[in-house]
Amino acid sequence: MSADRQAQSSARVATSAVMMGQAVGIAAALAAAKKVDVRELEPAEVRAIVLARGAQLDV
């Protein structure tokens, strides 16, 4: 990819932003389904769902 310094900076964080968005969406849906506040969810449960959907968390 050929781009200037500012565009390269944005491209570097794009993968992290997509992965965070996926996890946040899963957490929101899970909280809604359980009728609880998202802060009441177990992080391990959200992580397990994210991993089951093929996400790679060690990028």
PDB file of N, CA and C in Angstrom:
ATOM      1  N   MET A   1       0.839  -1.162   0.000  1.00  0.00           N
ATOM      2  CA  MET A   1       0.000   0.000   0.000  1.00  0.00           C
ATOM      3  C   MET A   1       0.888   1.231   0.000  1.00  0.00           C
ATOM      4  N   SER A   2       0.609   2.133  -0.903  1.00  0.00           N
ATOM      5  CA  SER A   2       1.354   3.374  -0.979  1.00  0.00           C
ATOM      6  C   SER A   2       0.481   4.492  -0.427  1.00  0.00           C
ATOM      7  N   ALA A   3       0.974   5.149   0.602  1.00  0.00           N
ATOM      8  CA  ALA A   3       0.194   6.226   1.216  1.00  0.00           C
ATOM      9  C   ALA A   3       1.124   7.135   1.999  1.00  0.00           C
ATOM     10  N   ASP A   4       0.625   8.309   2.326  1.00  0.00           N
ATOM     11  CA  ASP A   4       1.439   9.208   3.139  1.00  0.00           C
ATOM     12  C   ASP A   4       1.423   8.752   4.601  1.00  0.00           C
ATOM     13  N   ARG A   5       2.183   9.410   5.427  1.00  0.00           N
ATOM     14  CA  ARG A   5       2.359   9.012   6.821  1.00  0.00           C
ATOM     15  C   ARG A   5       1.038   8.987   7.589  1.00  0.00           C
ATOM     16  N   GLN A   6       0.192   9.962   7.384  1.00  0.00           N
ATOM     17  CA  GLN A   6      -1.091  10.023   8.098  1.00  0.00           C
ATOM     18  C   GLN A   6      -2.012   8.868   7.684  1.00  0.00           C
ATOM     19  N   ALA A   7      -2.064   8.569   6.413  1.00  0.00           N
ATOM     20  CA  ALA A   7      -2.902   7.461   5.942  1.00  0.00           C
ATOM     21  C   ALA A   7      -2.367   6.127   6.451  1.00  0.00           C
ATOM     22  N   GLN A   8      -1.064   5.959   6.479  1.00  0.00           N
ATOM     23  CA  GLN A   8      -0.469   4.728   7.004  1.00  0.00           C
ATOM     24  C   GLN A   8      -0.832   4.546   8.474  1.00  0.00           C
ATOM     25  N   SER A   9      -0.848   5.638   9.214  1.00  0.00           N
ATOM     26  CA  SER A   9      -1.206   5.578  10.635  1.00  0.00           C
ATOM     27  C   SER A   9      -2.628   5.061  10.812  1.00  0.00           C
ATOM     28  N   SER A  10      -3.540   5.545  10.005  1.00  0.00           N
ATOM     29  CA  SER A  10      -4.931   5.087  10.069  1.00  0.00           C
ATOM     30  C   SER A  10      -5.052   3.622   9.677  1.00  0.00           C
ATOM     31  N   ALA A  11      -4.310   3.218   8.677  1.00  0.00           N
ATOM     32  CA  ALA A  11      -4.373   1.829   8.214  1.00  0.00           C
ATOM     33  C   ALA A  11      -3.869   0.859   9.279  1.00  0.00           C
ATOM     34  N   ARG A  12      -2.881   1.279  10.063  1.00  0.00           N
ATOM     35  CA  ARG A  12      -2.325   0.400  11.100  1.00  0.00           C
ATOM     36  C   ARG A  12      -3.344   0.069  12.182  1.00  0.00           C
ATOM     37  N   VAL A  13      -4.227   1.001  12.510  1.00  0.00           N
ATOM     38  CA  VAL A  13      -5.184   0.762  13.598  1.00  0.00           C
ATOM     39  C   VAL A  13      -6.510   0.194  13.103  1.00  0.00           C
ATOM     40  N   ALA A  14      -6.695   0.085  11.813  1.00  0.00           N
ATOM     41  CA  ALA A  14      -7.979  -0.380  11.272  1.00  0.00           C
ATOM     42  C   ALA A  14      -8.334  -1.783  11.753  1.00  0.00           C
ATOM     43  N   THR A  15      -7.386  -2.692  11.765  1.00  0.00           N
ATOM     44  CA  THR A  15      -7.663  -4.063  12.200  1.00  0.00           C
ATOM     45  C   THR A  15      -8.099  -4.092  13.654  1.00  0.00           C
ATOM     46  N   SER A  16      -7.406  -3.348  14.499  1.00  0.00           N
ATOM     47  CA  SER A  16      -7.776  -3.292  15.916  1.00  0.00           C
ATOM     48  C   SER A  16      -9.167  -2.704  16.096  1.00  0.00           C
ATOM     49  N   ALA A  17      -9.485  -1.681  15.332  1.00  0.00           N
ATOM     50  CA  ALA A  17     -10.801  -1.056  15.437  1.00  0.00           C
ATOM     51  C   ALA A  17     -11.911  -2.021  15.027  1.00  0.00           C
ATOM     52  N   VAL A  18     -11.686  -2.781  13.985  1.00  0.00           N
ATOM     53  CA  VAL A  18     -12.676  -3.764  13.532  1.00  0.00           C
ATOM     54  C   VAL A  18     -12.876  -4.841  14.593  1.00  0.00           C
ATOM     55  N   MET A  19     -11.779  -5.330  15.162  1.00  0.00           N
ATOM     56  CA  MET A  19     -11.885  -6.378  16.183  1.00  0.00           C
ATOM     57  C   MET A  19     -12.594  -5.856  17.434  1.00  0.00           C
ATOM     58  N   MET A  20     -12.292  -4.615  17.834  1.00  0.00           N
ATOM     59  CA  MET A  20     -12.973  -4.034  18.988  1.00  0.00           C
ATOM     60  C   MET A  20     -14.459  -3.871  18.716  1.00  0.00           C
ATOM     61  N   GLY A  21     -14.793  -3.417  17.524  1.00  0.00           N
ATOM     62  CA  GLY A  21     -16.195  -3.247  17.162  1.00  0.00           C
ATOM     63  C   GLY A  21     -16.955  -4.555  17.198  1.00  0.00           C
ATOM     64  N   GLN A  22     -16.323  -5.627  16.748  1.00  0.00           N
ATOM     65  CA  GLN A  22     -16.968  -6.940  16.786  1.00  0.00           C
ATOM     66  C   GLN A  22     -17.234  -7.356  18.229  1.00  0.00           C
ATOM     67  N   ALA A  23     -16.256  -7.183  19.098  1.00  0.00           N
ATOM     68  CA  ALA A  23     -16.420  -7.565  20.506  1.00  0.00           C
ATOM     69  C   ALA A  23     -17.478  -6.713  21.195  1.00  0.00           C
ATOM     70  N   VAL A  24     -17.499  -5.429  20.901  1.00  0.00           N
ATOM     71  CA  VAL A  24     -18.492  -4.533  21.500  1.00  0.00           C
ATOM     72  C   VAL A  24     -19.893  -4.908  21.040  1.00  0.00           C
ATOM     73  N   GLY A  25     -20.049  -5.221  19.769  1.00  0.00           N
ATOM     74  CA  GLY A  25     -21.351  -5.634  19.258  1.00  0.00           C
ATOM     75  C   GLY A  25     -21.835  -6.923  19.891  1.00  0.00           C
ATOM     76  N   ILE A  26     -20.935  -7.875  20.047  1.00  0.00           N
ATOM     77  CA  ILE A  26     -21.290  -9.141  20.691  1.00  0.00           C
ATOM     78  C   ILE A  26     -21.694  -8.895  22.135  1.00  0.00           C
ATOM     79  N   ALA A  27     -20.939  -8.064  22.839  1.00  0.00           N
ATOM     80  CA  ALA A  27     -21.263  -7.761  24.235  1.00  0.00           C
ATOM     81  C   ALA A  27     -22.620  -7.069  24.347  1.00  0.00           C
ATOM     82  N   ALA A  28     -22.902  -6.142  23.460  1.00  0.00           N
ATOM     83  CA  ALA A  28     -24.185  -5.440  23.492  1.00  0.00           C
ATOM     84  C   ALA A  28     -25.344  -6.396  23.232  1.00  0.00           C
ATOM     85  N   ALA A  29     -25.188  -7.271  22.247  1.00  0.00           N
ATOM     86  CA  ALA A  29     -26.249  -8.235  21.937  1.00  0.00           C
ATOM     87  C   ALA A  29     -26.457  -9.214  23.085  1.00  0.00           C
ATOM     88  N   LEU A  30     -25.375  -9.660  23.690  1.00  0.00           N
ATOM     89  CA  LEU A  30     -25.458 -10.592  24.811  1.00  0.00           C
ATOM     90  C   LEU A  30     -26.139  -9.936  26.011  1.00  0.00           C
ATOM     91  N   ALA A  31     -25.777  -8.701  26.297  1.00  0.00           N
ATOM     92  CA  ALA A  31     -26.396  -7.977  27.410  1.00  0.00           C
ATOM     93  C   ALA A  31     -27.887  -7.771  27.161  1.00  0.00           C
ATOM     94  N   ALA A  32     -28.251  -7.438  25.937  1.00  0.00           N
ATOM     95  CA  ALA A  32     -29.666  -7.250  25.610  1.00  0.00           C
ATOM     96  C   ALA A  32     -30.433  -8.557  25.752  1.00  0.00           C
ATOM     97  N   ALA A  33     -29.839  -9.645  25.291  1.00  0.00           N
ATOM     98  CA  ALA A  33     -30.505 -10.948  25.379  1.00  0.00           C
ATOM     99  C   ALA A  33     -30.697 -11.380  26.827  1.00  0.00           C
ATOM    100  N   LYS A  34     -29.727 -11.046  27.665  1.00  0.00           N
ATOM    101  CA  LYS A  34     -29.809 -11.426  29.078  1.00  0.00           C
ATOM    102  C   LYS A  34     -30.539 -10.389  29.933  1.00  0.00           C
ATOM    103  N   LYS A  35     -30.861  -9.250  29.299  1.00  0.00           N
ATOM    104  CA  LYS A  35     -31.516  -8.136  29.997  1.00  0.00           C
ATOM    105  C   LYS A  35     -30.695  -7.675  31.210  1.00  0.00           C
ATOM    106  N   VAL A  36     -29.397  -7.504  30.976  1.00  0.00           N
ATOM    107  CA  VAL A  36     -28.496  -7.001  32.006  1.00  0.00           C
ATOM    108  C   VAL A  36     -27.665  -5.861  31.417  1.00  0.00           C
ATOM    109  N   ASP A  37     -27.051  -5.100  32.295  1.00  0.00           N
ATOM    110  CA  ASP A  37     -26.127  -4.063  31.856  1.00  0.00           C
ATOM    111  C   ASP A  37     -24.866  -4.747  31.320  1.00  0.00           C
ATOM    112  N   VAL A  38     -24.290  -4.170  30.313  1.00  0.00           N
ATOM    113  CA  VAL A  38     -23.104  -4.773  29.692  1.00  0.00           C
ATOM    114  C   VAL A  38     -21.971  -4.949  30.708  1.00  0.00           C
ATOM    115  N   ARG A  39     -21.929  -4.101  31.724  1.00  0.00           N
ATOM    116  CA  ARG A  39     -20.881  -4.219  32.748  1.00  0.00           C
ATOM    117  C   ARG A  39     -21.062  -5.441  33.639  1.00  0.00           C
ATOM    118  N   GLU A  40     -22.233  -6.064  33.577  1.00  0.00           N
ATOM    119  CA  GLU A  40     -22.499  -7.261  34.377  1.00  0.00           C
ATOM    120  C   GLU A  40     -22.072  -8.553  33.673  1.00  0.00           C
ATOM    121  N   LEU A  41     -21.688  -8.453  32.421  1.00  0.00           N
ATOM    122  CA  LEU A  41     -21.269  -9.639  31.673  1.00  0.00           C
ATOM    123  C   LEU A  41     -19.904 -10.124  32.147  1.00  0.00           C
ATOM    124  N   GLU A  42     -19.696 -11.414  32.014  1.00  0.00           N
ATOM    125  CA  GLU A  42     -18.383 -11.995  32.294  1.00  0.00           C
ATOM    126  C   GLU A  42     -17.507 -11.815  31.048  1.00  0.00           C
ATOM    127  N   PRO A  43     -16.386 -11.141  31.170  1.00  0.00           N
ATOM    128  CA  PRO A  43     -15.510 -10.958  30.008  1.00  0.00           C
ATOM    129  C   PRO A  43     -15.131 -12.275  29.331  1.00  0.00           C
ATOM    130  N   ALA A  44     -14.966 -13.323  30.115  1.00  0.00           N
ATOM    131  CA  ALA A  44     -14.597 -14.624  29.538  1.00  0.00           C
ATOM    132  C   ALA A  44     -15.687 -15.146  28.606  1.00  0.00           C
ATOM    133  N   GLU A  45     -16.945 -14.862  28.920  1.00  0.00           N
ATOM    134  CA  GLU A  45     -18.047 -15.311  28.061  1.00  0.00           C
ATOM    135  C   GLU A  45     -18.017 -14.571  26.725  1.00  0.00           C
ATOM    136  N   VAL A  46     -17.805 -13.268  26.791  1.00  0.00           N
ATOM    137  CA  VAL A  46     -17.718 -12.479  25.553  1.00  0.00           C
ATOM    138  C   VAL A  46     -16.514 -12.952  24.736  1.00  0.00           C
ATOM    139  N   ARG A  47     -15.394 -13.140  25.393  1.00  0.00           N
ATOM    140  CA  ARG A  47     -14.177 -13.606  24.714  1.00  0.00           C
ATOM    141  C   ARG A  47     -14.408 -14.948  24.024  1.00  0.00           C
ATOM    142  N   ALA A  48     -15.088 -15.863  24.699  1.00  0.00           N
ATOM    143  CA  ALA A  48     -15.353 -17.185  24.120  1.00  0.00           C
ATOM    144  C   ALA A  48     -16.193 -17.071  22.852  1.00  0.00           C
ATOM    145  N   ILE A  49     -17.180 -16.196  22.865  1.00  0.00           N
ATOM    146  CA  ILE A  49     -18.032 -16.009  21.679  1.00  0.00           C
ATOM    147  C   ILE A  49     -17.219 -15.401  20.543  1.00  0.00           C
ATOM    148  N   VAL A  50     -16.421 -14.395  20.870  1.00  0.00           N
ATOM    149  CA  VAL A  50     -15.582 -13.748  19.858  1.00  0.00           C
ATOM    150  C   VAL A  50     -14.644 -14.776  19.217  1.00  0.00           C
ATOM    151  N   LEU A  51     -14.009 -15.594  20.039  1.00  0.00           N
ATOM    152  CA  LEU A  51     -13.107 -16.622  19.515  1.00  0.00           C
ATOM    153  C   LEU A  51     -13.850 -17.669  18.695  1.00  0.00           C
ATOM    154  N   ALA A  52     -15.043 -18.048  19.142  1.00  0.00           N
ATOM    155  CA  ALA A  52     -15.838 -19.043  18.416  1.00  0.00           C
ATOM    156  C   ALA A  52     -16.230 -18.547  17.030  1.00  0.00           C
ATOM    157  N   ARG A  53     -16.292 -17.240  16.873  1.00  0.00           N
ATOM    158  CA  ARG A  53     -16.640 -16.660  15.567  1.00  0.00           C
ATOM    159  C   ARG A  53     -15.419 -16.418  14.691  1.00  0.00           C
ATOM    160  N   GLY A  54     -14.283 -16.907  15.150  1.00  0.00           N
ATOM    161  CA  GLY A  54     -13.095 -16.852  14.302  1.00  0.00           C
ATOM    162  C   GLY A  54     -12.189 -15.655  14.480  1.00  0.00           C
ATOM    163  N   ALA A  55     -12.422 -14.855  15.497  1.00  0.00           N
ATOM    164  CA  ALA A  55     -11.558 -13.694  15.701  1.00  0.00           C
ATOM    165  C   ALA A  55     -10.187 -14.135  16.192  1.00  0.00           C
ATOM    166  N   GLN A  56      -9.199 -13.330  15.882  1.00  0.00           N
ATOM    167  CA  GLN A  56      -7.838 -13.586  16.340  1.00  0.00           C
ATOM    168  C   GLN A  56      -7.492 -12.464  17.309  1.00  0.00           C
ATOM    169  N   LEU A  57      -7.338 -12.795  18.576  1.00  0.00           N
ATOM    170  CA  LEU A  57      -7.163 -11.774  19.600  1.00  0.00           C
ATOM    171  C   LEU A  57      -5.710 -11.419  19.886  1.00  0.00           C
ATOM    172  N   ASP A  58      -4.793 -12.107  19.308  1.00  0.00           N
ATOM    173  CA  ASP A  58      -3.384 -11.850  19.605  1.00  0.00           C
ATOM    174  C   ASP A  58      -2.646 -11.175  18.455  1.00  0.00           C
ATOM    175  N   VAL A  59      -3.321 -10.271  17.805  1.00  0.00           N
ATOM    176  CA  VAL A  59      -2.715  -9.571  16.668  1.00  0.00           C
ATOM    177  C   VAL A  59      -1.796  -8.487  17.180  1.00  0.00           C
TER     178      VAL A  59
END
